[in-house]
């Protein structure tokens, strides 16, 4: 069964948690004890309705304040697909959490309060989805019940969002607009009689129609070697295989390949998927590969097609989302983890800070604070083999690690 990971984004009280809770409820994905707990808590709070946000807000502070603070991952399934929803906070001070939740997602739901319309935080949420090259975005215009299900208000918000779309640099997104009421259930799972003017899909129908084949980069297979398999048994005395996951494309038996960083050439001899031999390794499949030649390969090396090499260099420029309370400064040194490789990296230059509300950039910056996003140049102590993030989400991204605390302090997207 296909698995689709979705990031949610929305400002305070836009109803993200309620929407997710409604999805779980209407798809009958809530367990009996969870539903009973929601009913009990809703009554304690004096509500005459079920507060579906209680299905996702797990922290005590979240339930008390009625806001989302941490990234929560919620799982549910339909007959056609399994879903993982990253419920991310919408506050400015939790920008890093939004980036974290969206970084591994294939689709996004951006919520807009029908009363407030497109606001500054909407710009920020859309910017992050654009930055992370989220190809499929569903704009859920929520709380339509509070504007009397007005078609005029829906079209006004849709027009404002389309104006925002013209500011993006990633034009390959598929964007769908859906008028919903998460509290009442209109157009979430079931069609609403309150919006006869809307002929499109419900939110769930829009998710069900997303084709997983269309949401990943294709044509540039990358195979980072995770582990070298040497059984050293009498039956497999000379066996040498390379285990890992295929990203970005497909690899097949007979393909001419290059091993990086040595740039040794060979051909793929066999591909093992669990206990079977297959002719082709599909993208995102974990396989074991053997080669025609006895090649010296170690963990961290990468196997690529001979006619499709990535960039190999000791420096690059990237967009950085800074996530640590300790500031990033020019000249700072970090451990840069790119795939399974770790190298030492020095901040060579902060080109400018990017305002994620589309208000422009700030020049002359030499320090980044938590939640800042900026364009930064790095120098490395040894080469890495990378692609631009816009061409390859996996091989174009990395994290920065503080060598003293061992904390992940930043996420990067190579330009």
Protein backbone atom coordinates (compact mmCIF):
# COMPACT_ATOMS: atom_id res chain seq x y z
CA UNK A 1 0.00 0.00 0.00
CA UNK A 2 1.24 3.49 -0.85
CA UNK A 3 2.39 5.68 2.03
CA UNK A 4 2.00 9.46 1.73
CA UNK A 5 3.58 11.83 4.24
CA UNK A 6 1.84 15.17 4.61
CA UNK A 7 2.93 18.34 6.40
CA UNK A 8 0.33 20.71 7.78
CA UNK A 9 0.81 24.45 8.20
CA UNK A 10 -1.44 27.13 9.58
CA UNK A 11 -1.49 30.06 11.97
CA UNK A 12 -2.65 29.97 15.57
CA UNK A 13 -6.29 28.82 15.86
CA UNK A 14 -6.62 28.12 12.14
CA UNK A 15 -7.71 24.61 13.09
CA UNK A 16 -4.91 22.26 12.03
CA UNK A 17 -5.33 19.86 14.94
CA UNK A 18 -9.12 19.96 14.61
CA UNK A 19 -8.85 19.18 10.88
CA UNK A 20 -6.60 16.20 11.51
CA UNK A 21 -8.87 14.98 14.29
CA UNK A 22 -11.84 15.28 11.95
CA UNK A 23 -9.97 13.24 9.30
CA UNK A 24 -9.29 10.54 11.86
CA UNK A 25 -12.89 10.57 13.10
CA UNK A 26 -14.60 10.51 9.71
CA UNK A 27 -12.28 7.77 8.40
CA UNK A 28 -13.01 5.76 11.57
CA UNK A 29 -9.31 5.80 12.50
CA UNK A 30 -9.80 6.75 16.16
CA UNK A 31 -9.69 3.90 18.67
CA UNK A 32 -12.65 3.50 21.01
CA UNK A 33 -10.68 4.56 24.09
CA UNK A 34 -9.30 7.63 22.28
CA UNK A 35 -12.80 8.65 21.19
CA UNK A 36 -14.15 8.18 24.70
CA UNK A 37 -11.31 10.34 26.08
CA UNK A 38 -12.14 13.09 23.57
CA UNK A 39 -15.83 12.95 24.50
CA UNK A 40 -15.03 13.11 28.21
CA UNK A 41 -12.56 15.98 27.89
CA UNK A 42 -14.89 17.95 25.59
CA UNK A 43 -17.66 17.72 28.20
CA UNK A 44 -15.24 18.81 30.95
CA UNK A 45 -14.38 21.87 28.89
CA UNK A 46 -18.07 22.69 28.54
CA UNK A 47 -18.25 22.09 24.77
CA UNK A 48 -21.44 20.88 23.13
CA UNK A 49 -19.31 19.35 20.37
CA UNK A 50 -16.32 17.01 20.14
CA UNK A 51 -13.01 18.86 20.30
CA UNK A 52 -11.09 16.89 17.69
CA UNK A 53 -7.88 18.82 18.36
CA UNK A 54 -7.53 16.63 21.46
CA UNK A 55 -6.76 13.73 19.12
CA UNK A 56 -3.40 15.23 18.16
CA UNK A 57 -2.22 17.73 20.79
CA UNK A 58 -0.29 15.39 23.06
CA UNK A 59 1.67 17.75 25.30
CA UNK A 60 -0.01 19.06 28.45
CA UNK A 61 0.92 22.63 27.45
CA UNK A 62 -0.69 22.08 24.04
CA UNK A 63 -3.97 20.90 25.54
CA UNK A 64 -4.03 23.68 28.13
CA UNK A 65 -3.25 26.49 25.69
CA UNK A 66 -5.07 25.05 22.68
CA UNK A 67 -2.00 25.41 20.46
CA UNK A 68 0.48 23.09 18.77
CA UNK A 69 4.06 23.37 20.04
CA UNK A 70 5.90 20.24 18.93
CA UNK A 71 5.74 18.26 15.68
CA UNK A 72 3.35 15.34 16.10
CA UNK A 73 3.10 12.49 13.61
CA UNK A 74 -0.35 10.99 13.13
CA UNK A 75 -1.05 7.79 11.23
CA UNK A 76 -4.22 6.66 9.49
CA UNK A 77 -5.23 4.60 6.47
CA UNK A 78 -7.96 4.31 3.90
CA UNK A 79 -8.63 1.41 1.56
CA UNK A 80 -6.29 2.99 -1.00
CA UNK A 81 -3.45 4.59 0.91
CA UNK A 82 -1.67 4.98 4.26
CA UNK A 83 -0.95 8.47 5.57
CA UNK A 84 1.53 10.02 7.95
CA UNK A 85 0.57 13.58 8.89
CA UNK A 86 3.17 15.88 10.43
CA UNK A 87 1.14 18.29 12.57
CA UNK A 88 3.51 21.26 12.80
CA UNK A 89 3.14 24.43 14.88
CA UNK A 90 2.30 27.69 13.15
CA UNK A 91 4.00 30.23 15.40
CA UNK A 92 6.89 32.32 14.09
CA UNK A 93 9.12 31.06 16.90
CA UNK A 94 8.57 27.47 15.75
CA UNK A 95 9.74 27.99 12.16
CA UNK A 96 12.39 25.31 12.71
CA UNK A 97 9.65 22.83 13.64
CA UNK A 98 7.78 23.64 10.43
CA UNK A 99 10.94 23.03 8.40
CA UNK A 100 11.56 19.75 10.23
CA UNK A 101 8.03 18.50 9.63
CA UNK A 102 7.97 19.48 5.96
CA UNK A 103 11.49 18.32 5.08
CA UNK A 104 10.47 14.68 4.61
CA UNK A 105 6.91 15.28 3.37
CA UNK A 106 5.65 14.69 -0.14
CA UNK A 107 2.57 16.91 0.15
CA UNK A 108 1.31 19.75 2.33
CA UNK A 109 -1.95 21.14 3.64
CA UNK A 110 -1.92 24.90 4.24
CA UNK A 111 -4.81 26.10 6.38
CA UNK A 112 -6.32 29.55 6.14
CA UNK A 113 -8.96 30.92 8.51
CA UNK A 114 -11.82 32.11 6.28
CA UNK A 115 -12.37 35.08 8.61
CA UNK A 116 -8.74 36.27 8.53
CA UNK A 117 -7.77 35.32 4.98
CA UNK A 118 -4.16 35.38 3.75
CA UNK A 119 -1.97 36.84 6.51
CA UNK A 120 1.78 37.20 7.10
CA UNK A 121 2.04 33.69 8.54
CA UNK A 122 0.40 32.30 5.40
CA UNK A 123 3.29 33.80 3.43
CA UNK A 124 5.74 32.08 5.79
CA UNK A 125 4.03 28.71 5.51
CA UNK A 126 3.90 28.88 1.73
CA UNK A 127 7.52 30.04 1.58
CA UNK A 128 8.68 26.98 3.55
CA UNK A 129 6.72 24.63 1.29
CA UNK A 130 8.22 26.40 -1.70
CA UNK A 131 11.74 26.26 -0.21
CA UNK A 132 11.42 22.53 0.43
CA UNK A 133 10.04 21.89 -3.06
CA UNK A 134 6.78 20.35 -1.82
CA UNK A 135 5.16 19.56 -5.13
CA UNK A 136 1.53 19.08 -4.05
CA UNK A 137 -0.09 21.73 -1.85
CA UNK A 138 -3.73 21.69 -0.75
CA UNK A 139 -4.97 25.05 0.49
CA UNK A 140 -7.77 24.32 2.95
CA UNK A 141 -9.86 27.45 3.56
CA UNK A 142 -11.20 26.52 6.98
CA UNK A 143 -14.02 27.75 9.23
CA UNK A 144 -16.31 28.36 6.29
CA UNK A 145 -19.22 27.88 8.71
CA UNK A 146 -18.20 31.15 10.40
CA UNK A 147 -18.58 33.11 7.15
CA UNK A 148 -21.90 31.47 6.22
CA UNK A 149 -20.19 29.32 3.59
CA UNK A 150 -19.76 32.39 1.42
CA UNK A 151 -18.62 31.67 -2.11
CA UNK A 152 -17.59 35.31 -2.45
CA UNK A 153 -15.30 35.07 0.60
CA UNK A 154 -13.81 31.79 -0.68
CA UNK A 155 -13.02 33.32 -4.07
CA UNK A 156 -11.52 36.41 -2.43
CA UNK A 157 -9.11 34.32 -0.36
CA UNK A 158 -8.29 32.13 -3.35
CA UNK A 159 -7.45 35.25 -5.40
CA UNK A 160 -5.20 36.60 -2.62
CA UNK A 161 -3.36 33.28 -2.40
CA UNK A 162 -2.88 33.18 -6.18
CA UNK A 163 -1.25 36.62 -5.89
CA UNK A 164 1.12 35.10 -3.31
CA UNK A 165 1.85 32.20 -5.65
CA UNK A 166 3.30 34.59 -8.21
CA UNK A 167 6.14 35.38 -5.76
CA UNK A 168 7.44 31.80 -5.60
CA UNK A 169 10.54 30.60 -7.40
CA UNK A 170 9.38 26.98 -7.65
CA UNK A 171 6.71 26.91 -10.33
CA UNK A 172 6.23 23.14 -10.44
CA UNK A 173 3.69 22.92 -7.64
CA UNK A 174 0.21 21.49 -8.00
CA UNK A 175 -2.06 23.65 -5.85
CA UNK A 176 -5.67 22.80 -4.99
CA UNK A 177 -8.18 24.91 -3.03
CA UNK A 178 -10.84 23.32 -0.83
CA UNK A 179 -13.46 25.15 1.32
CA UNK A 180 -13.85 23.23 4.59
CA UNK A 181 -15.22 23.36 8.09
CA UNK A 182 -13.04 21.09 10.21
CA UNK A 183 -15.35 21.44 13.20
CA UNK A 184 -18.53 20.52 11.29
CA UNK A 185 -16.90 18.15 8.79
CA UNK A 186 -17.84 20.01 5.60
CA UNK A 187 -15.73 18.87 2.60
CA UNK A 188 -13.16 17.15 4.81
CA UNK A 189 -14.10 13.54 4.10
CA UNK A 190 -17.70 13.99 2.98
CA UNK A 191 -19.19 16.41 0.47
CA UNK A 192 -20.95 19.37 2.03
CA UNK A 193 -24.49 20.43 1.20
CA UNK A 194 -23.55 23.89 2.46
CA UNK A 195 -21.28 24.56 -0.55
CA UNK A 196 -23.40 23.77 -3.62
CA UNK A 197 -21.24 26.27 -5.52
CA UNK A 198 -18.13 24.09 -5.02
CA UNK A 199 -17.79 21.20 -7.46
CA UNK A 200 -14.25 20.10 -6.57
CA UNK A 201 -12.98 17.22 -4.45
CA UNK A 202 -13.14 16.97 -0.68
CA UNK A 203 -9.87 17.22 1.22
CA UNK A 204 -9.55 13.45 1.54
CA UNK A 205 -10.44 12.92 -2.13
CA UNK A 206 -7.68 15.38 -3.06
CA UNK A 207 -5.20 13.39 -0.96
CA UNK A 208 -6.40 10.08 -2.43
CA UNK A 209 -5.84 11.36 -5.97
CA UNK A 210 -2.18 12.29 -5.36
CA UNK A 211 -0.02 9.97 -7.46
CA UNK A 212 3.11 9.02 -5.53
CA UNK A 213 4.92 8.55 -8.84
CA UNK A 214 4.65 12.30 -9.44
CA UNK A 215 6.00 13.60 -6.15
CA UNK A 216 9.62 12.46 -6.27
CA UNK A 217 12.50 13.65 -8.43
CA UNK A 218 13.19 11.18 -11.20
CA UNK A 219 15.97 10.30 -13.58
CA UNK A 220 18.95 10.84 -11.25
CA UNK A 221 19.52 7.64 -9.27
CA UNK A 222 21.81 7.93 -6.26
CA UNK A 223 22.83 4.92 -4.16
CA UNK A 224 24.69 5.86 -0.94
CA UNK A 225 26.32 2.72 0.43
CA UNK A 226 25.13 2.03 3.96
CA UNK A 227 26.88 -1.26 4.57
CA UNK A 228 29.27 -3.67 2.84
CA UNK A 229 28.07 -7.30 3.07
CA UNK A 230 30.82 -9.92 3.41
CA UNK A 231 29.32 -13.17 4.81
CA UNK A 232 32.64 -15.08 4.74
CA UNK A 233 30.86 -18.43 4.87
CA UNK A 234 31.80 -21.46 2.81
CA UNK A 235 28.71 -20.96 0.63
CA UNK A 236 29.37 -17.24 0.04
CA UNK A 237 33.12 -17.14 0.49
CA UNK A 238 33.79 -14.55 -2.22
CA UNK A 239 30.50 -12.66 -1.95
CA UNK A 240 30.71 -8.88 -1.71
CA UNK A 241 27.51 -6.85 -1.79
CA UNK A 242 26.61 -3.24 -1.09
CA UNK A 243 23.47 -2.42 0.86
CA UNK A 244 21.61 0.87 0.71
CA UNK A 245 18.56 2.73 -0.53
CA UNK A 246 18.01 3.97 -4.07
CA UNK A 247 17.07 7.65 -4.31
CA UNK A 248 15.85 9.70 -7.25
CA UNK A 249 15.58 7.08 -9.95
CA UNK A 250 16.09 3.42 -10.82
CA UNK A 251 19.13 1.17 -11.11
CA UNK A 252 19.12 -1.98 -13.25
CA UNK A 253 21.29 -5.01 -13.83
CA UNK A 254 23.82 -4.19 -16.56
CA UNK A 255 23.96 -0.44 -15.83
CA UNK A 256 27.38 1.15 -16.22
CA UNK A 257 28.19 2.75 -12.88
CA UNK A 258 30.77 4.97 -11.21
CA UNK A 259 31.77 4.65 -7.57
CA UNK A 260 32.38 7.92 -5.76
CA UNK A 261 34.72 9.34 -4.59
CA UNK A 262 37.23 6.92 -6.20
CA UNK A 263 35.50 7.26 -9.63
CA UNK A 264 36.12 3.56 -10.26
CA UNK A 265 33.88 2.16 -13.01
CA UNK A 266 32.03 -1.15 -13.21
CA UNK A 267 28.65 -2.70 -14.08
CA UNK A 268 25.80 -3.84 -11.86
CA UNK A 269 25.89 -7.64 -11.75
CA UNK A 270 22.97 -8.49 -9.47
CA UNK A 271 20.31 -6.72 -7.43
CA UNK A 272 18.93 -8.48 -4.34
CA UNK A 273 15.66 -7.35 -2.79
CA UNK A 274 15.23 -9.24 0.47
CA UNK A 275 15.43 -12.91 -0.60
CA UNK A 276 14.81 -12.32 -4.31
CA UNK A 277 16.90 -11.25 -7.27
CA UNK A 278 15.35 -8.45 -9.32
CA UNK A 279 16.33 -6.81 -12.60
CA UNK A 280 15.56 -3.26 -11.48
CA UNK A 281 15.74 -1.47 -8.14
CA UNK A 282 12.92 1.05 -7.95
CA UNK A 283 13.50 4.43 -6.36
CA UNK A 284 13.20 4.44 -2.57
CA UNK A 285 13.72 0.66 -2.41
CA UNK A 286 16.30 -0.79 -0.03
CA UNK A 287 18.42 -3.33 -1.90
CA UNK A 288 21.77 -5.06 -2.06
CA UNK A 289 23.87 -4.59 -5.19
CA UNK A 290 26.79 -6.65 -6.49
CA UNK A 291 29.18 -5.47 -9.21
CA UNK A 292 30.98 -7.21 -12.06
CA UNK A 293 34.36 -6.12 -10.69
CA UNK A 294 35.99 -6.47 -7.29
CA UNK A 295 35.92 -2.79 -6.33
CA UNK A 296 37.07 -1.20 -3.07
CA UNK A 297 33.89 0.37 -1.65
CA UNK A 298 33.20 1.53 1.90
CA UNK A 299 30.24 2.92 3.84
CA UNK A 300 29.64 6.49 2.71
CA UNK A 301 30.66 5.88 -0.90
CA UNK A 302 28.03 6.42 -3.58
CA UNK A 303 27.14 4.40 -6.66
CA UNK A 304 25.75 6.42 -9.60
CA UNK A 305 25.16 5.84 -13.29
CA UNK A 306 28.21 6.51 -15.43
CA UNK A 307 26.49 9.18 -17.52
CA UNK A 308 24.88 11.02 -14.60
CA UNK A 309 27.43 12.16 -12.04
CA UNK A 310 26.68 14.63 -9.23
CA UNK A 311 28.89 17.61 -8.42
CA UNK A 312 32.03 16.71 -6.48
CA UNK A 313 33.46 19.64 -4.54
CA UNK A 314 34.83 20.89 -1.21
CA UNK A 315 32.62 23.97 -1.14
CA UNK A 316 29.07 25.01 -1.92
CA UNK A 317 26.36 27.56 -1.13
CA UNK A 318 23.13 26.53 0.55
CA UNK A 319 19.96 27.89 2.09
CA UNK A 320 20.15 27.30 5.84
CA UNK A 321 17.36 27.03 8.38
CA UNK A 322 19.02 27.70 11.74
CA UNK A 323 17.57 25.69 14.64
CA UNK A 324 19.80 26.30 17.64
CA UNK A 325 19.70 28.85 20.47
CA UNK A 326 23.45 29.35 19.98
CA UNK A 327 23.93 31.71 17.03
CA UNK A 328 25.62 30.77 13.77
CA UNK A 329 28.43 33.19 12.90
CA UNK A 330 30.86 33.58 10.02
CA UNK A 331 33.90 31.38 10.64
CA UNK A 332 32.01 28.89 12.83
CA UNK A 333 32.84 25.20 12.36
CA UNK A 334 30.40 22.32 12.38
CA UNK A 335 30.08 18.68 11.44
CA UNK A 336 28.15 18.54 8.18
CA UNK A 337 26.28 15.30 7.57
CA UNK A 338 25.36 14.71 3.96
CA UNK A 339 23.62 11.36 3.64
CA UNK A 340 25.79 8.87 5.52
CA UNK A 341 28.90 11.03 5.11
CA UNK A 342 30.19 13.36 7.80
CA UNK A 343 32.73 16.09 7.02
CA UNK A 344 34.06 19.14 8.85
CA UNK A 345 32.54 22.38 7.55
CA UNK A 346 33.42 26.02 8.08
CA UNK A 347 30.98 28.89 7.52
CA UNK A 348 32.81 30.89 4.87
CA UNK A 349 30.28 33.65 4.33
CA UNK A 350 26.67 34.58 5.13
CA UNK A 351 25.45 36.11 1.88
CA UNK A 352 22.12 37.40 3.21
CA UNK A 353 19.20 36.53 5.44
CA UNK A 354 15.90 35.66 3.77
CA UNK A 355 12.63 36.99 5.15
CA UNK A 356 10.24 34.05 4.77
CA UNK A 357 7.24 36.35 4.51
CA UNK A 358 8.39 37.30 0.97
CA UNK A 359 9.35 40.80 2.13
CA UNK A 360 12.87 40.50 0.70
CA UNK A 361 16.39 39.84 1.99
CA UNK A 362 18.71 41.46 4.55
CA UNK A 363 22.27 42.18 3.45
CA UNK A 364 25.33 42.58 5.69
CA UNK A 365 24.35 39.84 8.12
CA UNK A 366 27.13 38.02 10.00
CA UNK A 367 24.99 36.17 12.58
CA UNK A 368 21.98 33.87 12.40
CA UNK A 369 19.59 33.39 15.30
CA UNK A 370 17.19 30.52 15.93
CA UNK A 371 14.53 30.23 13.18
CA UNK A 372 16.48 32.48 10.78
CA UNK A 373 16.75 31.39 7.15
CA UNK A 374 19.74 32.54 5.11
CA UNK A 375 22.01 31.88 2.16
CA UNK A 376 25.37 30.62 3.46
CA UNK A 377 28.61 29.47 1.81
CA UNK A 378 30.62 26.57 3.28
CA UNK A 379 34.14 25.21 2.90
CA UNK A 380 34.65 21.51 3.69
CA UNK A 381 37.72 19.50 4.71
CA UNK A 382 37.03 16.92 2.00
CA UNK A 383 34.81 16.69 -1.09
CA UNK A 384 31.19 15.58 -1.01
CA UNK A 385 29.16 14.45 -4.01
CA UNK A 386 25.94 16.43 -4.16
CA UNK A 387 23.14 17.71 -6.38
CA UNK A 388 21.23 20.97 -6.16
CA UNK A 389 18.26 20.52 -3.84
CA UNK A 390 15.83 21.68 -6.53
CA UNK A 391 16.97 18.75 -8.68
CA UNK A 392 17.34 16.11 -5.96
CA UNK A 393 15.76 16.58 -2.53
CA UNK A 394 17.73 13.77 -0.88
CA UNK A 395 21.20 14.34 -2.31
CA UNK A 396 20.81 18.12 -2.13
CA UNK A 397 20.14 18.35 1.60
CA UNK A 398 22.20 18.04 4.77
CA UNK A 399 22.23 18.79 8.48
CA UNK A 400 24.73 20.68 10.64
CA UNK A 401 25.83 19.18 13.96
CA UNK A 402 27.48 21.02 16.85
CA UNK A 403 30.68 19.07 17.62
CA UNK A 404 30.51 19.88 21.33
CA UNK A 405 26.85 19.24 22.15
CA UNK A 406 26.25 16.78 19.28
CA UNK A 407 22.94 18.58 18.67
CA UNK A 408 21.51 19.06 15.20
CA UNK A 409 21.68 22.84 14.84
CA UNK A 410 20.72 23.51 11.24
CA UNK A 411 19.25 22.08 8.05
CA UNK A 412 20.63 22.96 4.64
CA UNK A 413 19.42 22.87 1.04
CA UNK A 414 22.19 23.11 -1.54
CA UNK A 415 21.80 25.67 -4.33
